[in-house]
Amino acid sequence: MQKNNRAEQRTIWLVRHGLRQDFVQKDWGQTAARPYDSPLAKQGRLQAKETGLFLKDKNVEVIYSSPFLRAVETAAGISDIIGAPIRIEHGLAEVFKKEWFENPPAFIPVDELKQRFPAVDASYRSRVSPDWPEDDQNGQLDGRCALTVKALLSDKWTTALWVGHGASVGSVGVNLIGHARDVCFRMCGLTGWISGPDGWSVIYSGVNHLSITEDEIKFHV
């Protein structure tokens, strides 16, 4: 288990993005400008709101979000409830598998995201840039997420929310506590850890805060 060297107690909330539009509308990507960058479905927007309501009294000071639209929309839905700023962090992005991304993915520019989602902090610069192509089986993803965890822990906050994807939330768990057994992989599934003298301890893992959950865990298709 990784030791936490900071004196003060800290809390990390980790969430996978909500239900994607292309998971409920199978032909969505056929006419999309960025078929790899699905927005949330209406159910996903509800999941984000319910996650925000759960976190409303948890004193979250800052949200770090993957640059994919479904993650930013999840972060924005939560921020609408809790009022925390959103920092776009590429280190939390989906794994850049070549079979999923024929070219390096192009994301909505931060300034444009700021116009759509006012809580986005346009002054923040991502600390980590994933390689393309990237493989989650040869250590690339874990290496990238290790850098991300280290970078985000070096920032000044006591309680933060990190918004990622199935692959990246699992790798965050591996790099934070040495395994992903505590991580909830369902859409808008939430995992919380609190730091202590012996490292990080899980305080929540699940979807009990949601009224809508998928029948089976779905990953990138």
C-alpha atoms as a PDB file:
ATOM      1  CA  MET A   1       0.000   0.000   0.000  1.00  0.00           C
ATOM      2  CA  GLN A   2       1.335   3.414  -0.969  1.00  0.00           C
ATOM      3  CA  LYS A   3       2.164   5.645   1.988  1.00  0.00           C
ATOM      4  CA  ASN A   4       0.829   9.185   1.987  1.00  0.00           C
ATOM      5  CA  ASN A   5       3.531  11.621   3.031  1.00  0.00           C
ATOM      6  CA  ARG A   6       1.342  14.653   3.533  1.00  0.00           C
ATOM      7  CA  ALA A   7       0.525  15.462   7.147  1.00  0.00           C
ATOM      8  CA  GLU A   8      -3.104  16.442   6.610  1.00  0.00           C
ATOM      9  CA  GLN A   9      -5.862  13.947   5.948  1.00  0.00           C
ATOM     10  CA  ARG A  10      -7.013  13.908   2.334  1.00  0.00           C
ATOM     11  CA  THR A  11      -9.958  12.368   0.498  1.00  0.00           C
ATOM     12  CA  ILE A  12     -10.120  11.222  -3.115  1.00  0.00           C
ATOM     13  CA  TRP A  13     -13.400  10.497  -4.858  1.00  0.00           C
ATOM     14  CA  LEU A  14     -13.011   8.582  -8.116  1.00  0.00           C
ATOM     15  CA  VAL A  15     -15.855   8.219 -10.616  1.00  0.00           C
ATOM     16  CA  ARG A  16     -16.257   6.692 -14.042  1.00  0.00           C
ATOM     17  CA  HIS A  17     -18.229   8.822 -16.507  1.00  0.00           C
ATOM     18  CA  GLY A  18     -21.978   8.319 -16.843  1.00  0.00           C
ATOM     19  CA  LEU A  19     -23.918   6.340 -19.446  1.00  0.00           C
ATOM     20  CA  ARG A  20     -22.812   7.221 -22.993  1.00  0.00           C
ATOM     21  CA  GLN A  21     -25.127   8.208 -25.828  1.00  0.00           C
ATOM     22  CA  ASP A  22     -23.566   5.636 -28.172  1.00  0.00           C
ATOM     23  CA  PHE A  23     -24.373   2.872 -25.689  1.00  0.00           C
ATOM     24  CA  VAL A  24     -28.095   3.598 -25.994  1.00  0.00           C
ATOM     25  CA  GLN A  25     -28.123   4.848 -29.606  1.00  0.00           C
ATOM     26  CA  LYS A  26     -25.997   2.329 -31.466  1.00  0.00           C
ATOM     27  CA  ASP A  27     -25.805   4.300 -34.727  1.00  0.00           C
ATOM     28  CA  TRP A  28     -24.778   7.570 -33.059  1.00  0.00           C
ATOM     29  CA  GLY A  29     -21.172   7.389 -34.251  1.00  0.00           C
ATOM     30  CA  GLN A  30     -22.098   6.946 -37.919  1.00  0.00           C
ATOM     31  CA  THR A  31     -22.827  10.649 -38.350  1.00  0.00           C
ATOM     32  CA  ALA A  32     -20.701  12.114 -35.552  1.00  0.00           C
ATOM     33  CA  ALA A  33     -17.729  14.392 -36.258  1.00  0.00           C
ATOM     34  CA  ARG A  34     -15.782  12.638 -33.494  1.00  0.00           C
ATOM     35  CA  PRO A  35     -17.327   9.150 -33.240  1.00  0.00           C
ATOM     36  CA  TYR A  36     -14.931   8.240 -30.403  1.00  0.00           C
ATOM     37  CA  ASP A  37     -16.132  11.173 -28.282  1.00  0.00           C
ATOM     38  CA  SER A  38     -19.702  10.335 -27.357  1.00  0.00           C
ATOM     39  CA  PRO A  39     -21.617  12.699 -25.081  1.00  0.00           C
ATOM     40  CA  LEU A  40     -23.721  11.429 -22.212  1.00  0.00           C
ATOM     41  CA  ALA A  41     -27.146   9.965 -22.755  1.00  0.00           C
ATOM     42  CA  LYS A  42     -29.986  11.553 -20.771  1.00  0.00           C
ATOM     43  CA  GLN A  43     -29.621   8.712 -18.266  1.00  0.00           C
ATOM     44  CA  GLY A  44     -25.934   9.599 -17.893  1.00  0.00           C
ATOM     45  CA  ARG A  45     -26.797  13.224 -17.188  1.00  0.00           C
ATOM     46  CA  LEU A  46     -29.162  12.060 -14.458  1.00  0.00           C
ATOM     47  CA  GLN A  47     -26.403   9.837 -13.036  1.00  0.00           C
ATOM     48  CA  ALA A  48     -24.056  12.824 -12.926  1.00  0.00           C
ATOM     49  CA  LYS A  49     -26.666  14.912 -11.098  1.00  0.00           C
ATOM     50  CA  GLU A  50     -27.275  12.146  -8.564  1.00  0.00           C
ATOM     51  CA  THR A  51     -23.538  11.771  -8.017  1.00  0.00           C
ATOM     52  CA  GLY A  52     -23.350  15.496  -7.374  1.00  0.00           C
ATOM     53  CA  LEU A  53     -26.168  15.265  -4.835  1.00  0.00           C
ATOM     54  CA  PHE A  54     -24.301  12.468  -3.051  1.00  0.00           C
ATOM     55  CA  LEU A  55     -21.109  14.553  -2.971  1.00  0.00           C
ATOM     56  CA  LYS A  56     -22.823  17.827  -2.040  1.00  0.00           C
ATOM     57  CA  ASP A  57     -21.810  17.657   1.624  1.00  0.00           C
ATOM     58  CA  LYS A  58     -18.398  16.025   1.036  1.00  0.00           C
ATOM     59  CA  ASN A  59     -16.442  19.306   0.693  1.00  0.00           C
ATOM     60  CA  VAL A  60     -15.001  18.553  -2.747  1.00  0.00           C
ATOM     61  CA  GLU A  61     -12.753  21.483  -3.655  1.00  0.00           C
ATOM     62  CA  VAL A  62     -11.712  20.588  -7.195  1.00  0.00           C
ATOM     63  CA  ILE A  63     -12.669  18.172  -9.986  1.00  0.00           C
ATOM     64  CA  TYR A  64     -10.086  16.681 -12.364  1.00  0.00           C
ATOM     65  CA  SER A  65     -11.654  15.315 -15.539  1.00  0.00           C
ATOM     66  CA  SER A  66     -10.582  13.346 -18.579  1.00  0.00           C
ATOM     67  CA  PRO A  67     -10.863  15.476 -21.755  1.00  0.00           C
ATOM     68  CA  PHE A  68     -13.395  13.144 -23.404  1.00  0.00           C
ATOM     69  CA  LEU A  69     -16.803  14.837 -23.655  1.00  0.00           C
ATOM     70  CA  ARG A  70     -18.640  12.143 -21.676  1.00  0.00           C
ATOM     71  CA  ALA A  71     -16.259  12.693 -18.766  1.00  0.00           C
ATOM     72  CA  VAL A  72     -16.423  16.497 -18.953  1.00  0.00           C
ATOM     73  CA  GLU A  73     -20.223  16.368 -19.055  1.00  0.00           C
ATOM     74  CA  THR A  74     -20.163  14.095 -16.005  1.00  0.00           C
ATOM     75  CA  ALA A  75     -17.853  16.520 -14.208  1.00  0.00           C
ATOM     76  CA  ALA A  76     -20.036  19.468 -15.209  1.00  0.00           C
ATOM     77  CA  GLY A  77     -23.212  17.780 -13.989  1.00  0.00           C
ATOM     78  CA  ILE A  78     -21.567  17.152 -10.645  1.00  0.00           C
ATOM     79  CA  SER A  79     -20.081  20.650 -10.514  1.00  0.00           C
ATOM     80  CA  ASP A  80     -23.525  22.163 -11.079  1.00  0.00           C
ATOM     81  CA  ILE A  81     -24.489  20.672  -7.712  1.00  0.00           C
ATOM     82  CA  ILE A  82     -21.303  21.059  -5.647  1.00  0.00           C
ATOM     83  CA  GLY A  83     -19.827  24.206  -7.221  1.00  0.00           C
ATOM     84  CA  ALA A  84     -16.254  22.928  -7.665  1.00  0.00           C
ATOM     85  CA  PRO A  85     -14.034  24.028 -10.585  1.00  0.00           C
ATOM     86  CA  ILE A  86     -13.132  21.501 -13.290  1.00  0.00           C
ATOM     87  CA  ARG A  87      -9.546  20.908 -14.415  1.00  0.00           C
ATOM     88  CA  ILE A  88      -9.132  19.033 -17.717  1.00  0.00           C
ATOM     89  CA  GLU A  89      -6.476  16.368 -17.095  1.00  0.00           C
ATOM     90  CA  HIS A  90      -5.449  14.149 -20.016  1.00  0.00           C
ATOM     91  CA  GLY A  91      -3.776  11.702 -17.652  1.00  0.00           C
ATOM     92  CA  LEU A  92      -7.269  10.452 -16.709  1.00  0.00           C
ATOM     93  CA  ALA A  93      -8.265   9.775 -20.340  1.00  0.00           C
ATOM     94  CA  GLU A  94      -9.380   6.501 -21.872  1.00  0.00           C
ATOM     95  CA  VAL A  95      -6.569   4.139 -22.889  1.00  0.00           C
ATOM     96  CA  PHE A  96      -5.499   5.053 -26.435  1.00  0.00           C
ATOM     97  CA  LYS A  97      -5.699   1.610 -28.017  1.00  0.00           C
ATOM     98  CA  LYS A  98      -5.002   1.640 -31.752  1.00  0.00           C
ATOM     99  CA  GLU A  99      -8.032  -0.565 -32.426  1.00  0.00           C
ATOM    100  CA  TRP A 100     -10.197   2.114 -30.785  1.00  0.00           C
ATOM    101  CA  PHE A 101      -8.409   5.174 -32.166  1.00  0.00           C
ATOM    102  CA  GLU A 102      -6.955   5.016 -35.675  1.00  0.00           C
ATOM    103  CA  ASN A 103      -5.260   8.364 -35.020  1.00  0.00           C
ATOM    104  CA  PRO A 104      -4.479  10.355 -31.892  1.00  0.00           C
ATOM    105  CA  PRO A 105      -7.874  11.576 -30.638  1.00  0.00           C
ATOM    106  CA  ALA A 106      -8.665  15.264 -31.075  1.00  0.00           C
ATOM    107  CA  PHE A 107     -10.501  16.828 -28.162  1.00  0.00           C
ATOM    108  CA  ILE A 108     -12.710  19.876 -27.812  1.00  0.00           C
ATOM    109  CA  PRO A 109     -10.358  22.785 -26.957  1.00  0.00           C
ATOM    110  CA  VAL A 110     -10.417  23.920 -23.350  1.00  0.00           C
ATOM    111  CA  ASP A 111     -11.565  27.432 -24.285  1.00  0.00           C
ATOM    112  CA  GLU A 112     -14.557  25.952 -26.098  1.00  0.00           C
ATOM    113  CA  LEU A 113     -15.291  23.655 -23.159  1.00  0.00           C
ATOM    114  CA  LYS A 114     -15.187  26.735 -20.927  1.00  0.00           C
ATOM    115  CA  GLN A 115     -17.894  28.357 -23.049  1.00  0.00           C
ATOM    116  CA  ARG A 116     -20.101  25.282 -22.756  1.00  0.00           C
ATOM    117  CA  PHE A 117     -19.271  24.471 -19.137  1.00  0.00           C
ATOM    118  CA  PRO A 118     -18.414  27.630 -17.138  1.00  0.00           C
ATOM    119  CA  ALA A 119     -16.904  25.626 -14.255  1.00  0.00           C
ATOM    120  CA  VAL A 120     -13.966  24.568 -16.471  1.00  0.00           C
ATOM    121  CA  ASP A 121     -10.708  26.185 -15.323  1.00  0.00           C
ATOM    122  CA  ALA A 122      -9.218  27.383 -18.618  1.00  0.00           C
ATOM    123  CA  SER A 123      -5.948  28.327 -16.905  1.00  0.00           C
ATOM    124  CA  TYR A 124      -5.152  24.736 -15.889  1.00  0.00           C
ATOM    125  CA  ARG A 125      -2.664  22.863 -18.056  1.00  0.00           C
ATOM    126  CA  SER A 126      -2.803  19.086 -18.154  1.00  0.00           C
ATOM    127  CA  ARG A 127       0.111  17.535 -16.300  1.00  0.00           C
ATOM    128  CA  VAL A 128       0.257  14.290 -18.278  1.00  0.00           C
ATOM    129  CA  SER A 129      -0.086  13.579 -22.017  1.00  0.00           C
ATOM    130  CA  PRO A 130      -0.814   9.937 -22.942  1.00  0.00           C
ATOM    131  CA  ASP A 131       1.139   8.357 -25.776  1.00  0.00           C
ATOM    132  CA  TRP A 132      -0.595   7.096 -28.903  1.00  0.00           C
ATOM    133  CA  PRO A 133      -1.001   4.263 -29.514  1.00  0.00           C
ATOM    134  CA  GLU A 134      -1.144   3.005 -25.972  1.00  0.00           C
ATOM    135  CA  ASP A 135      -1.526  -0.532 -24.621  1.00  0.00           C
ATOM    136  CA  ASP A 136      -3.028  -1.389 -21.240  1.00  0.00           C
ATOM    137  CA  GLN A 137      -1.408  -4.826 -21.283  1.00  0.00           C
ATOM    138  CA  ASN A 138       2.253  -3.770 -21.415  1.00  0.00           C
ATOM    139  CA  GLY A 139       2.334  -1.253 -18.595  1.00  0.00           C
ATOM    140  CA  GLN A 140       1.829   1.919 -20.615  1.00  0.00           C
ATOM    141  CA  LEU A 141      -1.521   2.746 -19.028  1.00  0.00           C
ATOM    142  CA  ASP A 142      -0.297   2.048 -15.500  1.00  0.00           C
ATOM    143  CA  GLY A 143       2.823   4.108 -16.163  1.00  0.00           C
ATOM    144  CA  ARG A 144       0.754   7.019 -17.406  1.00  0.00           C
ATOM    145  CA  CYS A 145      -1.659   6.807 -14.482  1.00  0.00           C
ATOM    146  CA  ALA A 146       1.249   6.572 -12.033  1.00  0.00           C
ATOM    147  CA  LEU A 147       2.461   9.955 -13.305  1.00  0.00           C
ATOM    148  CA  THR A 148      -1.088  11.294 -13.090  1.00  0.00           C
ATOM    149  CA  VAL A 149      -1.639  10.156  -9.501  1.00  0.00           C
ATOM    150  CA  LYS A 150       1.687  11.675  -8.458  1.00  0.00           C
ATOM    151  CA  ALA A 151       0.927  14.960 -10.209  1.00  0.00           C
ATOM    152  CA  LEU A 152      -2.581  15.361  -8.811  1.00  0.00           C
ATOM    153  CA  LEU A 153      -1.466  14.477  -5.295  1.00  0.00           C
ATOM    154  CA  SER A 154       1.154  17.238  -5.527  1.00  0.00           C
ATOM    155  CA  ASP A 155      -1.567  19.877  -5.922  1.00  0.00           C
ATOM    156  CA  LYS A 156      -2.996  21.715  -2.933  1.00  0.00           C
ATOM    157  CA  TRP A 157      -6.392  20.307  -2.049  1.00  0.00           C
ATOM    158  CA  THR A 158      -7.889  18.323   0.805  1.00  0.00           C
ATOM    159  CA  THR A 159     -10.781  16.663  -1.040  1.00  0.00           C
ATOM    160  CA  ALA A 160     -10.882  16.139  -4.805  1.00  0.00           C
ATOM    161  CA  LEU A 161     -12.951  14.269  -7.380  1.00  0.00           C
ATOM    162  CA  TRP A 162     -11.233  12.517 -10.305  1.00  0.00           C
ATOM    163  CA  VAL A 163     -13.384  11.647 -13.363  1.00  0.00           C
ATOM    164  CA  GLY A 164     -12.128   8.958 -15.721  1.00  0.00           C
ATOM    165  CA  HIS A 165     -12.973   5.835 -17.706  1.00  0.00           C
ATOM    166  CA  GLY A 166     -13.122   2.109 -17.088  1.00  0.00           C
ATOM    167  CA  ALA A 167      -9.422   1.650 -17.828  1.00  0.00           C
ATOM    168  CA  SER A 168      -8.115   4.766 -16.124  1.00  0.00           C
ATOM    169  CA  VAL A 169     -10.124   4.460 -12.896  1.00  0.00           C
ATOM    170  CA  GLY A 170      -8.837   0.907 -12.490  1.00  0.00           C
ATOM    171  CA  SER A 171      -5.271   2.021 -13.050  1.00  0.00           C
ATOM    172  CA  VAL A 172      -5.684   4.871 -10.566  1.00  0.00           C
ATOM    173  CA  GLY A 173      -6.694   2.272  -7.979  1.00  0.00           C
ATOM    174  CA  VAL A 174      -3.642   0.143  -8.808  1.00  0.00           C
ATOM    175  CA  ASN A 175      -1.308   3.104  -8.468  1.00  0.00           C
ATOM    176  CA  LEU A 176      -2.950   4.554  -5.366  1.00  0.00           C
ATOM    177  CA  ILE A 177      -3.408   1.444  -3.231  1.00  0.00           C
ATOM    178  CA  GLY A 178      -1.805  -1.370  -5.201  1.00  0.00           C
ATOM    179  CA  HIS A 179      -4.958  -2.996  -6.620  1.00  0.00           C
ATOM    180  CA  ALA A 180      -8.317  -2.231  -8.243  1.00  0.00           C
ATOM    181  CA  ARG A 181     -10.510  -4.469  -6.064  1.00  0.00           C
ATOM    182  CA  ASP A 182     -12.148  -1.484  -4.374  1.00  0.00           C
ATOM    183  CA  VAL A 183     -12.832   0.388  -7.607  1.00  0.00           C
ATOM    184  CA  CYS A 184     -16.437   0.555  -8.836  1.00  0.00           C
ATOM    185  CA  PHE A 185     -16.349   0.205 -12.630  1.00  0.00           C
ATOM    186  CA  ARG A 186     -20.026   0.883 -13.322  1.00  0.00           C
ATOM    187  CA  MET A 187     -20.982   4.112 -15.049  1.00  0.00           C
ATOM    188  CA  CYS A 188     -20.991   6.880 -12.477  1.00  0.00           C
ATOM    189  CA  GLY A 189     -19.854   4.229 -10.027  1.00  0.00           C
ATOM    190  CA  LEU A 190     -18.085   6.033  -7.220  1.00  0.00           C
ATOM    191  CA  THR A 191     -15.094   5.044  -5.100  1.00  0.00           C
ATOM    192  CA  GLY A 192     -13.809   7.049  -2.155  1.00  0.00           C
ATOM    193  CA  TRP A 193     -10.551   6.794  -0.215  1.00  0.00           C
ATOM    194  CA  ILE A 194      -9.293   8.669   2.810  1.00  0.00           C
ATOM    195  CA  SER A 195      -5.644   8.972   3.751  1.00  0.00           C
ATOM    196  CA  GLY A 196      -4.207   7.899   7.078  1.00  0.00           C
ATOM    197  CA  PRO A 197      -0.872   7.069   8.680  1.00  0.00           C
ATOM    198  CA  ASP A 198      -0.851   3.648   6.999  1.00  0.00           C
ATOM    199  CA  GLY A 199      -1.942   4.808   3.540  1.00  0.00           C
ATOM    200  CA  TRP A 200      -5.346   5.002   1.865  1.00  0.00           C
ATOM    201  CA  SER A 201      -8.523   3.348   3.163  1.00  0.00           C
ATOM    202  CA  VAL A 202     -11.703   2.885   1.155  1.00  0.00           C
ATOM    203  CA  ILE A 203     -14.770   4.707   2.508  1.00  0.00           C
ATOM    204  CA  TYR A 204     -17.244   4.053  -0.319  1.00  0.00           C
ATOM    205  CA  SER A 205     -17.475   1.911  -3.420  1.00  0.00           C
ATOM    206  CA  GLY A 206     -20.641   1.382  -5.387  1.00  0.00           C
ATOM    207  CA  VAL A 207     -23.707   2.800  -7.088  1.00  0.00           C
ATOM    208  CA  ASN A 208     -26.088   3.100  -4.152  1.00  0.00           C
ATOM    209  CA  HIS A 209     -26.252   6.828  -4.876  1.00  0.00           C
ATOM    210  CA  LEU A 210     -27.799   6.183  -8.321  1.00  0.00           C
ATOM    211  CA  SER A 211     -31.379   5.445  -9.359  1.00  0.00           C
ATOM    212  CA  ILE A 212     -30.258   4.095 -12.764  1.00  0.00           C
ATOM    213  CA  THR A 213     -27.470   1.570 -13.343  1.00  0.00           C
ATOM    214  CA  GLU A 214     -26.592  -0.702 -16.253  1.00  0.00           C
ATOM    215  CA  ASP A 215     -27.520  -4.387 -16.110  1.00  0.00           C
ATOM    216  CA  GLU A 216     -23.925  -5.382 -16.839  1.00  0.00           C
ATOM    217  CA  ILE A 217     -20.664  -3.492 -16.774  1.00  0.00           C
ATOM    218  CA  LYS A 218     -19.948  -2.034 -20.223  1.00  0.00           C
ATOM    219  CA  PHE A 219     -16.579  -0.872 -21.520  1.00  0.00           C
ATOM    220  CA  HIS A 220     -15.399   0.918 -24.655  1.00  0.00           C
ATOM    221  CA  VAL A 221     -16.708  -0.671 -27.839  1.00  0.00           C
END
